N, C-alpha and C. Protein backbone atom coordinates (compact mmCIF):
# COMPACT_ATOMS: atom_id res chain seq x y z
N MET A 1 35.71 -24.74 122.59
CA MET A 1 36.45 -25.98 122.55
C MET A 1 35.66 -27.06 123.28
N ILE A 2 35.76 -28.25 122.80
CA ILE A 2 35.08 -29.39 123.41
C ILE A 2 36.06 -30.09 124.32
N ASN A 3 35.63 -30.40 125.52
CA ASN A 3 36.47 -31.08 126.48
C ASN A 3 36.29 -32.58 126.32
N ASN A 4 37.29 -33.27 125.77
CA ASN A 4 37.23 -34.71 125.54
C ASN A 4 37.76 -35.51 126.72
N ALA A 5 38.26 -34.85 127.75
CA ALA A 5 38.86 -35.56 128.88
C ALA A 5 37.82 -36.32 129.69
N ASN A 6 36.56 -35.88 129.68
CA ASN A 6 35.53 -36.54 130.47
C ASN A 6 34.81 -37.65 129.73
N LYS A 7 35.08 -37.80 128.44
CA LYS A 7 34.43 -38.85 127.66
C LYS A 7 35.05 -40.20 127.98
N PRO A 8 34.24 -41.22 128.16
CA PRO A 8 34.82 -42.55 128.41
C PRO A 8 35.46 -43.10 127.14
N VAL A 9 36.54 -43.81 127.32
CA VAL A 9 37.23 -44.42 126.20
C VAL A 9 36.60 -45.79 125.96
N PRO A 10 36.24 -46.11 124.74
CA PRO A 10 35.65 -47.43 124.47
C PRO A 10 36.61 -48.54 124.89
N GLU A 11 36.04 -49.63 125.41
CA GLU A 11 36.85 -50.73 125.91
C GLU A 11 37.68 -51.37 124.81
N LYS A 12 37.14 -51.48 123.60
CA LYS A 12 37.86 -52.10 122.50
C LYS A 12 39.10 -51.30 122.12
N ALA A 13 39.07 -50.00 122.30
CA ALA A 13 40.23 -49.17 121.97
C ALA A 13 41.36 -49.40 122.97
N GLN A 14 41.04 -49.81 124.19
CA GLN A 14 42.06 -50.02 125.21
C GLN A 14 42.71 -51.40 125.10
N GLU A 15 42.04 -52.38 124.55
CA GLU A 15 42.53 -53.76 124.53
C GLU A 15 43.88 -53.93 123.84
N PRO A 16 44.10 -53.41 122.63
CA PRO A 16 45.41 -53.63 122.00
C PRO A 16 46.56 -53.03 122.80
N ALA A 17 46.35 -51.86 123.39
CA ALA A 17 47.41 -51.25 124.18
C ALA A 17 47.71 -52.09 125.42
N GLN A 18 46.67 -52.65 126.04
CA GLN A 18 46.88 -53.48 127.22
C GLN A 18 47.60 -54.78 126.84
N GLU A 19 47.27 -55.35 125.70
CA GLU A 19 47.92 -56.59 125.26
C GLU A 19 49.40 -56.35 125.00
N GLN A 20 49.75 -55.21 124.43
CA GLN A 20 51.15 -54.92 124.17
C GLN A 20 51.91 -54.73 125.47
N ASN A 21 51.29 -54.12 126.47
CA ASN A 21 51.95 -53.91 127.75
C ASN A 21 52.13 -55.22 128.51
N GLU A 22 51.28 -56.19 128.28
CA GLU A 22 51.36 -57.45 128.99
C GLU A 22 52.45 -58.37 128.43
N LEU A 23 52.83 -58.20 127.17
CA LEU A 23 53.85 -59.04 126.58
C LEU A 23 55.22 -58.64 127.11
N PRO A 24 56.02 -59.61 127.54
CA PRO A 24 57.36 -59.27 128.02
C PRO A 24 58.26 -58.87 126.85
N PRO A 25 59.20 -57.97 127.08
CA PRO A 25 60.10 -57.60 125.99
C PRO A 25 61.02 -58.77 125.63
N LEU A 26 61.59 -58.70 124.45
CA LEU A 26 62.50 -59.74 124.00
C LEU A 26 63.78 -59.71 124.82
N THR A 27 64.34 -60.88 125.07
CA THR A 27 65.62 -60.96 125.76
C THR A 27 66.73 -60.68 124.77
N LEU A 28 67.93 -60.44 125.30
CA LEU A 28 69.08 -60.19 124.44
C LEU A 28 69.36 -61.39 123.55
N LEU A 29 69.22 -62.58 124.10
CA LEU A 29 69.47 -63.79 123.33
C LEU A 29 68.44 -63.96 122.19
N GLN A 30 67.18 -63.64 122.46
CA GLN A 30 66.15 -63.72 121.42
C GLN A 30 66.42 -62.70 120.31
N MET A 31 66.84 -61.50 120.70
CA MET A 31 67.15 -60.47 119.70
C MET A 31 68.37 -60.87 118.87
N LEU A 32 69.37 -61.46 119.52
CA LEU A 32 70.55 -61.91 118.80
C LEU A 32 70.18 -63.01 117.81
N GLY A 33 69.34 -63.95 118.24
CA GLY A 33 68.89 -65.01 117.34
C GLY A 33 68.13 -64.47 116.14
N SER A 34 67.28 -63.49 116.38
CA SER A 34 66.53 -62.88 115.28
C SER A 34 67.44 -62.11 114.34
N THR A 35 68.46 -61.45 114.90
CA THR A 35 69.41 -60.71 114.08
C THR A 35 70.21 -61.65 113.20
N LEU A 36 70.67 -62.76 113.78
CA LEU A 36 71.43 -63.74 112.98
C LEU A 36 70.55 -64.38 111.91
N ALA A 37 69.30 -64.69 112.27
CA ALA A 37 68.38 -65.26 111.29
C ALA A 37 68.13 -64.28 110.15
N ALA A 38 68.01 -63.00 110.48
CA ALA A 38 67.80 -61.99 109.45
C ALA A 38 69.04 -61.87 108.55
N ALA A 39 70.22 -61.99 109.14
CA ALA A 39 71.45 -61.90 108.35
C ALA A 39 71.55 -63.03 107.33
N PHE A 40 71.07 -64.21 107.72
CA PHE A 40 71.11 -65.36 106.81
C PHE A 40 69.82 -65.51 106.00
N GLY A 41 68.80 -64.74 106.35
CA GLY A 41 67.54 -64.76 105.61
C GLY A 41 66.67 -65.97 105.89
N VAL A 42 66.71 -66.49 107.11
CA VAL A 42 65.95 -67.69 107.44
C VAL A 42 65.08 -67.48 108.69
N GLN A 43 64.29 -66.45 108.72
CA GLN A 43 63.43 -66.16 109.87
C GLN A 43 62.07 -66.82 109.66
N SER A 44 61.57 -67.51 110.68
CA SER A 44 60.25 -68.14 110.58
C SER A 44 59.16 -67.08 110.76
N GLN A 45 57.98 -67.39 110.25
CA GLN A 45 56.84 -66.48 110.35
C GLN A 45 56.48 -66.22 111.81
N ALA A 46 56.51 -67.26 112.64
CA ALA A 46 56.14 -67.10 114.06
C ALA A 46 57.11 -66.18 114.78
N ARG A 47 58.40 -66.34 114.50
CA ARG A 47 59.39 -65.47 115.16
C ARG A 47 59.31 -64.04 114.64
N ARG A 48 59.02 -63.89 113.36
CA ARG A 48 58.88 -62.54 112.81
C ARG A 48 57.72 -61.82 113.48
N GLU A 49 56.60 -62.52 113.65
CA GLU A 49 55.45 -61.93 114.33
C GLU A 49 55.78 -61.61 115.79
N ARG A 50 56.53 -62.50 116.45
CA ARG A 50 56.94 -62.25 117.84
C ARG A 50 57.81 -60.99 117.91
N ASP A 51 58.73 -60.86 116.98
CA ASP A 51 59.63 -59.71 116.97
C ASP A 51 58.86 -58.40 116.79
N PHE A 52 57.88 -58.40 115.89
CA PHE A 52 57.11 -57.20 115.65
C PHE A 52 56.19 -56.88 116.83
N ALA A 53 55.72 -57.90 117.53
CA ALA A 53 54.81 -57.67 118.64
C ALA A 53 55.55 -57.25 119.91
N ARG A 54 56.72 -57.81 120.14
CA ARG A 54 57.40 -57.59 121.42
C ARG A 54 58.68 -56.78 121.33
N GLY A 55 59.25 -56.63 120.15
CA GLY A 55 60.53 -55.95 120.01
C GLY A 55 60.38 -54.49 119.64
N LYS A 56 61.47 -53.76 119.80
CA LYS A 56 61.51 -52.36 119.41
C LYS A 56 62.43 -52.23 118.20
N ALA A 57 62.02 -51.41 117.26
CA ALA A 57 62.79 -51.23 116.03
C ALA A 57 64.19 -50.71 116.34
N SER A 58 64.30 -49.78 117.28
CA SER A 58 65.61 -49.21 117.59
C SER A 58 66.58 -50.27 118.10
N HIS A 59 66.08 -51.24 118.87
CA HIS A 59 66.94 -52.31 119.37
C HIS A 59 67.44 -53.18 118.22
N PHE A 60 66.55 -53.49 117.30
CA PHE A 60 66.96 -54.32 116.16
C PHE A 60 67.92 -53.57 115.24
N ILE A 61 67.74 -52.28 115.09
CA ILE A 61 68.65 -51.48 114.28
C ILE A 61 70.04 -51.50 114.90
N LEU A 62 70.11 -51.28 116.21
CA LEU A 62 71.41 -51.31 116.90
C LEU A 62 72.06 -52.69 116.82
N MET A 63 71.26 -53.75 116.98
CA MET A 63 71.80 -55.10 116.87
C MET A 63 72.32 -55.36 115.46
N GLY A 64 71.61 -54.88 114.46
CA GLY A 64 72.04 -55.05 113.07
C GLY A 64 73.33 -54.31 112.77
N ILE A 65 73.45 -53.09 113.27
CA ILE A 65 74.67 -52.32 113.08
C ILE A 65 75.83 -53.00 113.80
N GLY A 66 75.60 -53.45 115.02
CA GLY A 66 76.64 -54.15 115.78
C GLY A 66 77.06 -55.43 115.09
N PHE A 67 76.10 -56.21 114.62
CA PHE A 67 76.42 -57.46 113.92
C PHE A 67 77.24 -57.18 112.67
N THR A 68 76.84 -56.17 111.91
CA THR A 68 77.55 -55.83 110.68
C THR A 68 78.98 -55.40 110.98
N ALA A 69 79.17 -54.58 112.01
CA ALA A 69 80.51 -54.12 112.38
C ALA A 69 81.38 -55.31 112.79
N ILE A 70 80.86 -56.21 113.60
CA ILE A 70 81.62 -57.39 114.03
C ILE A 70 81.92 -58.29 112.84
N PHE A 71 80.96 -58.47 111.94
CA PHE A 71 81.16 -59.30 110.76
C PHE A 71 82.29 -58.74 109.89
N VAL A 72 82.27 -57.44 109.65
CA VAL A 72 83.31 -56.81 108.83
C VAL A 72 84.66 -56.95 109.52
N LEU A 73 84.72 -56.73 110.82
CA LEU A 73 85.97 -56.86 111.56
C LEU A 73 86.53 -58.29 111.46
N VAL A 74 85.67 -59.28 111.62
CA VAL A 74 86.11 -60.68 111.51
C VAL A 74 86.61 -60.97 110.10
N MET A 75 85.94 -60.47 109.09
CA MET A 75 86.38 -60.70 107.71
C MET A 75 87.74 -60.05 107.46
N VAL A 76 87.97 -58.85 107.97
CA VAL A 76 89.26 -58.18 107.81
C VAL A 76 90.35 -59.00 108.49
N LEU A 77 90.08 -59.49 109.69
CA LEU A 77 91.07 -60.29 110.42
C LEU A 77 91.38 -61.60 109.70
N VAL A 78 90.36 -62.24 109.15
CA VAL A 78 90.58 -63.50 108.42
C VAL A 78 91.41 -63.24 107.16
N VAL A 79 91.11 -62.19 106.44
CA VAL A 79 91.87 -61.88 105.23
C VAL A 79 93.32 -61.57 105.58
N ARG A 80 93.54 -60.79 106.63
CA ARG A 80 94.92 -60.49 107.05
C ARG A 80 95.66 -61.76 107.46
N LEU A 81 94.99 -62.66 108.15
CA LEU A 81 95.61 -63.90 108.57
C LEU A 81 95.99 -64.74 107.36
N VAL A 82 95.09 -64.85 106.41
CA VAL A 82 95.36 -65.65 105.21
C VAL A 82 96.49 -65.02 104.41
N LEU A 83 96.48 -63.71 104.26
CA LEU A 83 97.54 -63.05 103.50
C LEU A 83 98.89 -63.14 104.19
N SER A 84 98.91 -63.12 105.50
CA SER A 84 100.17 -63.24 106.23
C SER A 84 100.75 -64.67 106.09
N GLN A 85 99.90 -65.65 105.93
CA GLN A 85 100.37 -67.03 105.76
C GLN A 85 100.90 -67.28 104.35
N LEU A 86 100.48 -66.50 103.39
CA LEU A 86 100.93 -66.65 102.00
C LEU A 86 102.30 -66.05 101.76
N THR A 87 102.70 -65.10 102.54
CA THR A 87 103.98 -64.43 102.30
C THR A 87 105.09 -64.96 103.18
């Protein structure tokens, strides 16, 4: 077996990982804004790139599920309110 632990890692291979670690994670407000923009289909290219560079897919999935659940709940409540006013 060849021992690769003593081989130096090229500097260029380390740069992308270091750049990702230096970027701060997205705030809750930024993630909410991106989720709402995605729901309406109006996300800018710059924000999309920011989301892919700094965000985690699992966070966006959870935000999307949460947004969808709240949206459905609000729609059910609005329909019930409208139907109760008609009778």
